[in-house]
Amino acid sequence: MSLALRSGPPSGDHLSMEPAALAALAAEARAAAVLVGLVAYPGEVKVLLTQRAAALRVHSGQIAFPGGKIEAHDESPVAAALREAHEEIGLESSCVAPLGYLDPYLTGTGFCIIPVVARVSPPLALELNREEVEDAFEAPFAFLMDAANHALETREFEGRMRQFYAMPFGERHIWGVTAGILRNLYERLYS
């Protein structure tokens, strides 16, 4: 992986949309960045994830990567992902080494997300912003990169059927954008 952004069409949960609706969604999409943090322990790698606060207006209670909108003052998607990770979970940028980008991910809720893959060096001294994040946890990279754990689900949303990936992990249900980004990482590494 390199730090260069790809210029092709984004992946995402929008792929089943009508062309006109897709064009409108892409034109209006707000730029965002998330940190796909690979925590490098001796002998094992884990992926850093959060559970969003239940009181949030959008995607409340869902499993997510730390991240958010790219602001005008952010120099790059990496800067935005690092800023958001610090604001949400107190992750210090000094323990993060960016490795590269995954494909942009266009969401049905109007975001074009740039996933920033990074090596995170433990130990982690996280301080959660409880207004945004209910919990932070790690899932084994090997589990998330096992295609047997990638379920393709279908659900009706706003009058149309949508397909999305889901990766049940214990009591956690990793699905939608987060699972889609993990699936993109899997495809990039193993296809």
C-alpha atoms as a PDB file:
ATOM      1  CA  MET A   1       0.000   0.000   0.000  1.00  0.00           C
ATOM      2  CA  SER A   2       1.151   3.527  -0.677  1.00  0.00           C
ATOM      3  CA  LEU A   3      -0.044   6.882   0.554  1.00  0.00           C
ATOM      4  CA  ALA A   4      -1.292   7.826  -2.926  1.00  0.00           C
ATOM      5  CA  LEU A   5      -5.055   8.123  -3.241  1.00  0.00           C
ATOM      6  CA  ARG A   6      -6.714   6.110  -5.992  1.00  0.00           C
ATOM      7  CA  SER A   7      -8.631   8.065  -8.598  1.00  0.00           C
ATOM      8  CA  GLY A   8     -11.121   5.371  -9.634  1.00  0.00           C
ATOM      9  CA  PRO A   9     -14.759   5.115  -8.595  1.00  0.00           C
ATOM     10  CA  PRO A  10     -15.375   4.666  -4.880  1.00  0.00           C
ATOM     11  CA  SER A  11     -16.531   1.425  -3.368  1.00  0.00           C
ATOM     12  CA  GLY A  12     -19.505   1.454  -1.028  1.00  0.00           C
ATOM     13  CA  ASP A  13     -23.071   0.606  -0.242  1.00  0.00           C
ATOM     14  CA  HIS A  14     -24.315   2.776  -3.099  1.00  0.00           C
ATOM     15  CA  LEU A  15     -23.465   0.347  -5.887  1.00  0.00           C
ATOM     16  CA  SER A  16     -27.059  -0.839  -6.378  1.00  0.00           C
ATOM     17  CA  MET A  17     -28.371   2.716  -6.880  1.00  0.00           C
ATOM     18  CA  GLU A  18     -29.873   4.025 -10.099  1.00  0.00           C
ATOM     19  CA  PRO A  19     -27.251   6.003 -12.118  1.00  0.00           C
ATOM     20  CA  ALA A  20     -29.011   9.376 -11.666  1.00  0.00           C
ATOM     21  CA  ALA A  21     -29.351   8.895  -7.894  1.00  0.00           C
ATOM     22  CA  LEU A  22     -25.721   7.763  -7.695  1.00  0.00           C
ATOM     23  CA  ALA A  23     -24.523  10.837  -9.610  1.00  0.00           C
ATOM     24  CA  ALA A  24     -26.488  13.129  -7.283  1.00  0.00           C
ATOM     25  CA  LEU A  25     -25.131  11.349  -4.197  1.00  0.00           C
ATOM     26  CA  ALA A  26     -21.534  11.542  -5.423  1.00  0.00           C
ATOM     27  CA  ALA A  27     -21.875  15.244  -6.300  1.00  0.00           C
ATOM     28  CA  GLU A  28     -23.220  16.122  -2.842  1.00  0.00           C
ATOM     29  CA  ALA A  29     -20.986  13.780  -0.783  1.00  0.00           C
ATOM     30  CA  ARG A  30     -19.126  15.317   2.146  1.00  0.00           C
ATOM     31  CA  ALA A  31     -15.469  14.347   2.521  1.00  0.00           C
ATOM     32  CA  ALA A  32     -14.528  12.326   5.595  1.00  0.00           C
ATOM     33  CA  ALA A  33     -11.577  10.240   6.779  1.00  0.00           C
ATOM     34  CA  VAL A  34     -11.299   7.307   9.159  1.00  0.00           C
ATOM     35  CA  LEU A  35      -8.309   5.668  10.808  1.00  0.00           C
ATOM     36  CA  VAL A  36      -7.998   1.930  10.167  1.00  0.00           C
ATOM     37  CA  GLY A  37      -5.614   1.389  13.070  1.00  0.00           C
ATOM     38  CA  LEU A  38      -3.653  -1.847  13.033  1.00  0.00           C
ATOM     39  CA  VAL A  39      -2.354  -2.306  16.574  1.00  0.00           C
ATOM     40  CA  ALA A  40       0.923  -4.225  16.330  1.00  0.00           C
ATOM     41  CA  TYR A  41       1.398  -6.529  19.313  1.00  0.00           C
ATOM     42  CA  PRO A  42       4.205  -9.100  19.408  1.00  0.00           C
ATOM     43  CA  GLY A  43       2.820 -12.081  17.507  1.00  0.00           C
ATOM     44  CA  GLU A  44      -0.605 -10.560  16.762  1.00  0.00           C
ATOM     45  CA  VAL A  45      -2.214  -7.609  15.030  1.00  0.00           C
ATOM     46  CA  LYS A  46      -5.548  -6.200  16.137  1.00  0.00           C
ATOM     47  CA  VAL A  47      -7.831  -3.585  14.576  1.00  0.00           C
ATOM     48  CA  LEU A  48      -8.850  -0.587  16.681  1.00  0.00           C
ATOM     49  CA  LEU A  49     -12.610   0.056  16.584  1.00  0.00           C
ATOM     50  CA  THR A  50     -15.134   2.178  18.456  1.00  0.00           C
ATOM     51  CA  GLN A  51     -18.760   1.926  19.389  1.00  0.00           C
ATOM     52  CA  ARG A  52     -20.419   5.250  18.706  1.00  0.00           C
ATOM     53  CA  ALA A  53     -22.397   6.901  21.492  1.00  0.00           C
ATOM     54  CA  ALA A  54     -26.098   6.072  21.594  1.00  0.00           C
ATOM     55  CA  ALA A  55     -27.070   9.763  21.730  1.00  0.00           C
ATOM     56  CA  LEU A  56     -25.446  10.671  18.389  1.00  0.00           C
ATOM     57  CA  ARG A  57     -27.771  11.874  15.627  1.00  0.00           C
ATOM     58  CA  VAL A  58     -26.150   9.751  12.883  1.00  0.00           C
ATOM     59  CA  HIS A  59     -25.079   6.093  13.122  1.00  0.00           C
ATOM     60  CA  SER A  60     -25.664   6.019  16.878  1.00  0.00           C
ATOM     61  CA  GLY A  61     -24.458   2.902  18.675  1.00  0.00           C
ATOM     62  CA  GLN A  62     -22.783   1.476  15.580  1.00  0.00           C
ATOM     63  CA  ILE A  63     -19.296   0.005  15.389  1.00  0.00           C
ATOM     64  CA  ALA A  64     -16.978   2.386  13.547  1.00  0.00           C
ATOM     65  CA  PHE A  65     -13.423   3.424  12.940  1.00  0.00           C
ATOM     66  CA  PRO A  66     -12.314   6.650  14.627  1.00  0.00           C
ATOM     67  CA  GLY A  67     -12.866   9.453  12.145  1.00  0.00           C
ATOM     68  CA  GLY A  68     -15.127  12.134  10.785  1.00  0.00           C
ATOM     69  CA  LYS A  69     -15.499  15.021   8.383  1.00  0.00           C
ATOM     70  CA  ILE A  70     -12.437  16.492   6.720  1.00  0.00           C
ATOM     71  CA  GLU A  71     -12.336  20.125   7.823  1.00  0.00           C
ATOM     72  CA  ALA A  72     -10.957  23.019   5.761  1.00  0.00           C
ATOM     73  CA  HIS A  73      -7.943  23.313   8.088  1.00  0.00           C
ATOM     74  CA  ASP A  74      -6.964  19.635   7.685  1.00  0.00           C
ATOM     75  CA  GLU A  75      -3.929  19.344   5.409  1.00  0.00           C
ATOM     76  CA  SER A  76      -4.856  15.854   4.207  1.00  0.00           C
ATOM     77  CA  PRO A  77      -7.105  12.871   4.907  1.00  0.00           C
ATOM     78  CA  VAL A  78      -4.320  11.567   7.183  1.00  0.00           C
ATOM     79  CA  ALA A  79      -4.395  14.807   9.200  1.00  0.00           C
ATOM     80  CA  ALA A  80      -8.188  14.602   9.492  1.00  0.00           C
ATOM     81  CA  ALA A  81      -8.140  10.944  10.575  1.00  0.00           C
ATOM     82  CA  LEU A  82      -5.451  11.631  13.187  1.00  0.00           C
ATOM     83  CA  ARG A  83      -7.271  14.720  14.493  1.00  0.00           C
ATOM     84  CA  GLU A  84     -10.559  12.850  14.768  1.00  0.00           C
ATOM     85  CA  ALA A  85      -8.927   9.817  16.445  1.00  0.00           C
ATOM     86  CA  HIS A  86      -7.400  12.145  19.024  1.00  0.00           C
ATOM     87  CA  GLU A  87     -10.693  13.989  19.588  1.00  0.00           C
ATOM     88  CA  GLU A  88     -12.775  10.795  19.861  1.00  0.00           C
ATOM     89  CA  ILE A  89     -10.533   8.381  21.757  1.00  0.00           C
ATOM     90  CA  GLY A  90      -7.430  10.343  22.782  1.00  0.00           C
ATOM     91  CA  LEU A  91      -5.137   8.423  20.432  1.00  0.00           C
ATOM     92  CA  GLU A  92      -1.812  10.252  20.262  1.00  0.00           C
ATOM     93  CA  SER A  93      -0.484  10.737  16.720  1.00  0.00           C
ATOM     94  CA  SER A  94       3.035   9.931  17.975  1.00  0.00           C
ATOM     95  CA  CYS A  95       2.079   6.229  18.184  1.00  0.00           C
ATOM     96  CA  VAL A  96       0.546   6.170  14.668  1.00  0.00           C
ATOM     97  CA  ALA A  97       2.485   5.483  11.457  1.00  0.00           C
ATOM     98  CA  PRO A  98       0.319   5.930   8.324  1.00  0.00           C
ATOM     99  CA  LEU A  99       0.804   3.147   5.769  1.00  0.00           C
ATOM    100  CA  GLY A 100      -1.591   4.073   2.969  1.00  0.00           C
ATOM    101  CA  TYR A 101      -5.143   4.594   1.783  1.00  0.00           C
ATOM    102  CA  LEU A 102      -7.878   2.179   0.853  1.00  0.00           C
ATOM    103  CA  ASP A 103     -10.428   2.944  -1.861  1.00  0.00           C
ATOM    104  CA  PRO A 104     -12.738   5.862  -1.047  1.00  0.00           C
ATOM    105  CA  TYR A 105     -16.055   4.602   0.325  1.00  0.00           C
ATOM    106  CA  LEU A 106     -19.264   6.382  -0.709  1.00  0.00           C
ATOM    107  CA  THR A 107     -22.072   5.968   1.813  1.00  0.00           C
ATOM    108  CA  GLY A 108     -25.789   6.123   1.234  1.00  0.00           C
ATOM    109  CA  THR A 109     -25.905   8.819   3.928  1.00  0.00           C
ATOM    110  CA  GLY A 110     -23.841  11.210   1.813  1.00  0.00           C
ATOM    111  CA  PHE A 111     -20.203  10.811   2.852  1.00  0.00           C
ATOM    112  CA  CYS A 112     -17.178   9.950   0.752  1.00  0.00           C
ATOM    113  CA  ILE A 113     -14.868   8.356   3.309  1.00  0.00           C
ATOM    114  CA  ILE A 114     -11.108   8.045   2.824  1.00  0.00           C
ATOM    115  CA  PRO A 115      -9.862   5.100   4.931  1.00  0.00           C
ATOM    116  CA  VAL A 116      -6.321   5.734   6.233  1.00  0.00           C
ATOM    117  CA  VAL A 117      -4.530   2.500   7.153  1.00  0.00           C
ATOM    118  CA  ALA A 118      -1.938   2.970   9.882  1.00  0.00           C
ATOM    119  CA  ARG A 119       0.285   0.969  12.210  1.00  0.00           C
ATOM    120  CA  VAL A 120      -0.488   1.796  15.836  1.00  0.00           C
ATOM    121  CA  SER A 121       2.172   1.069  18.446  1.00  0.00           C
ATOM    122  CA  PRO A 122       0.966  -0.140  21.850  1.00  0.00           C
ATOM    123  CA  PRO A 123       0.519   0.433  24.689  1.00  0.00           C
ATOM    124  CA  LEU A 124      -2.541   2.603  24.086  1.00  0.00           C
ATOM    125  CA  ALA A 125      -3.621   5.108  26.728  1.00  0.00           C
ATOM    126  CA  LEU A 126      -7.050   6.000  25.359  1.00  0.00           C
ATOM    127  CA  GLU A 127      -9.356   8.666  26.786  1.00  0.00           C
ATOM    128  CA  LEU A 128     -12.830   8.382  25.298  1.00  0.00           C
ATOM    129  CA  ASN A 129     -14.907  11.437  24.448  1.00  0.00           C
ATOM    130  CA  ARG A 130     -18.175  10.082  25.885  1.00  0.00           C
ATOM    131  CA  GLU A 131     -20.258  12.499  23.802  1.00  0.00           C
ATOM    132  CA  GLU A 132     -19.056  10.696  20.666  1.00  0.00           C
ATOM    133  CA  VAL A 133     -17.784   7.259  21.709  1.00  0.00           C
ATOM    134  CA  GLU A 134     -19.307   4.750  24.102  1.00  0.00           C
ATOM    135  CA  ASP A 135     -16.445   2.237  23.887  1.00  0.00           C
ATOM    136  CA  ALA A 136     -13.167   1.462  22.135  1.00  0.00           C
ATOM    137  CA  PHE A 137     -12.027  -2.103  21.570  1.00  0.00           C
ATOM    138  CA  GLU A 138      -9.762  -4.244  19.415  1.00  0.00           C
ATOM    139  CA  ALA A 139     -10.713  -7.132  17.138  1.00  0.00           C
ATOM    140  CA  PRO A 140      -8.161  -9.656  15.857  1.00  0.00           C
ATOM    141  CA  PHE A 141      -6.936  -8.815  12.367  1.00  0.00           C
ATOM    142  CA  ALA A 142      -6.891 -12.539  11.503  1.00  0.00           C
ATOM    143  CA  PHE A 143     -10.600 -12.836  12.364  1.00  0.00           C
ATOM    144  CA  LEU A 144     -11.536  -9.757  10.306  1.00  0.00           C
ATOM    145  CA  MET A 145      -9.458 -10.914   7.325  1.00  0.00           C
ATOM    146  CA  ASP A 146     -11.035 -14.392   7.271  1.00  0.00           C
ATOM    147  CA  ALA A 147     -13.576 -14.435   4.410  1.00  0.00           C
ATOM    148  CA  ALA A 148     -15.603 -17.037   6.329  1.00  0.00           C
ATOM    149  CA  ASN A 149     -16.505 -14.207   8.740  1.00  0.00           C
ATOM    150  CA  HIS A 150     -17.783 -11.897   5.948  1.00  0.00           C
ATOM    151  CA  ALA A 151     -21.554 -12.227   5.536  1.00  0.00           C
ATOM    152  CA  LEU A 152     -23.320 -10.384   2.718  1.00  0.00           C
ATOM    153  CA  GLU A 153     -26.689  -9.162   4.021  1.00  0.00           C
ATOM    154  CA  THR A 154     -29.616  -7.423   2.353  1.00  0.00           C
ATOM    155  CA  ARG A 155     -32.031  -4.984   3.945  1.00  0.00           C
ATOM    156  CA  GLU A 156     -34.586  -2.465   2.734  1.00  0.00           C
ATOM    157  CA  PHE A 157     -33.621   1.157   3.390  1.00  0.00           C
ATOM    158  CA  GLU A 158     -35.615   4.181   2.205  1.00  0.00           C
ATOM    159  CA  GLY A 159     -37.712   2.064  -0.140  1.00  0.00           C
ATOM    160  CA  ARG A 160     -34.953   0.107  -1.855  1.00  0.00           C
ATOM    161  CA  MET A 161     -32.967  -3.009  -1.154  1.00  0.00           C
ATOM    162  CA  ARG A 162     -29.329  -2.575  -0.121  1.00  0.00           C
ATOM    163  CA  GLN A 163     -26.537  -5.091   0.230  1.00  0.00           C
ATOM    164  CA  PHE A 164     -23.787  -4.697   2.804  1.00  0.00           C
ATOM    165  CA  TYR A 165     -21.178  -6.762   4.586  1.00  0.00           C
ATOM    166  CA  ALA A 166     -21.509  -7.835   8.211  1.00  0.00           C
ATOM    167  CA  MET A 167     -18.900  -9.398  10.482  1.00  0.00           C
ATOM    168  CA  PRO A 168     -20.423 -10.526  13.787  1.00  0.00           C
ATOM    169  CA  PHE A 169     -17.705 -10.502  16.453  1.00  0.00           C
ATOM    170  CA  GLY A 170     -18.863 -11.829  19.813  1.00  0.00           C
ATOM    171  CA  GLU A 171     -21.519  -9.422  21.099  1.00  0.00           C
ATOM    172  CA  ARG A 172     -20.467  -6.804  18.544  1.00  0.00           C
ATOM    173  CA  HIS A 173     -22.113  -6.494  15.138  1.00  0.00           C
ATOM    174  CA  ILE A 174     -19.657  -4.953  12.692  1.00  0.00           C
ATOM    175  CA  TRP A 175     -21.604  -4.071   9.559  1.00  0.00           C
ATOM    176  CA  GLY A 176     -22.240  -1.478   6.857  1.00  0.00           C
ATOM    177  CA  VAL A 177     -19.485   1.033   6.185  1.00  0.00           C
ATOM    178  CA  THR A 178     -17.058  -0.407   8.737  1.00  0.00           C
ATOM    179  CA  ALA A 179     -17.439  -3.970   7.440  1.00  0.00           C
ATOM    180  CA  GLY A 180     -17.287  -2.669   3.852  1.00  0.00           C
ATOM    181  CA  ILE A 181     -13.987  -0.917   4.510  1.00  0.00           C
ATOM    182  CA  LEU A 182     -12.619  -4.057   6.184  1.00  0.00           C
ATOM    183  CA  ARG A 183     -13.757  -6.075   3.163  1.00  0.00           C
ATOM    184  CA  ASN A 184     -11.931  -3.611   0.878  1.00  0.00           C
ATOM    185  CA  LEU A 185      -8.769  -4.149   2.965  1.00  0.00           C
ATOM    186  CA  TYR A 186      -9.240  -7.921   2.642  1.00  0.00           C
ATOM    187  CA  GLU A 187      -9.666  -7.654  -1.151  1.00  0.00           C
ATOM    188  CA  ARG A 188      -6.626  -5.390  -1.439  1.00  0.00           C
ATOM    189  CA  LEU A 189      -4.473  -7.827   0.544  1.00  0.00           C
ATOM    190  CA  TYR A 190      -5.764 -11.192  -0.652  1.00  0.00           C
ATOM    191  CA  SER A 191      -7.183 -10.741  -4.178  1.00  0.00           C
END
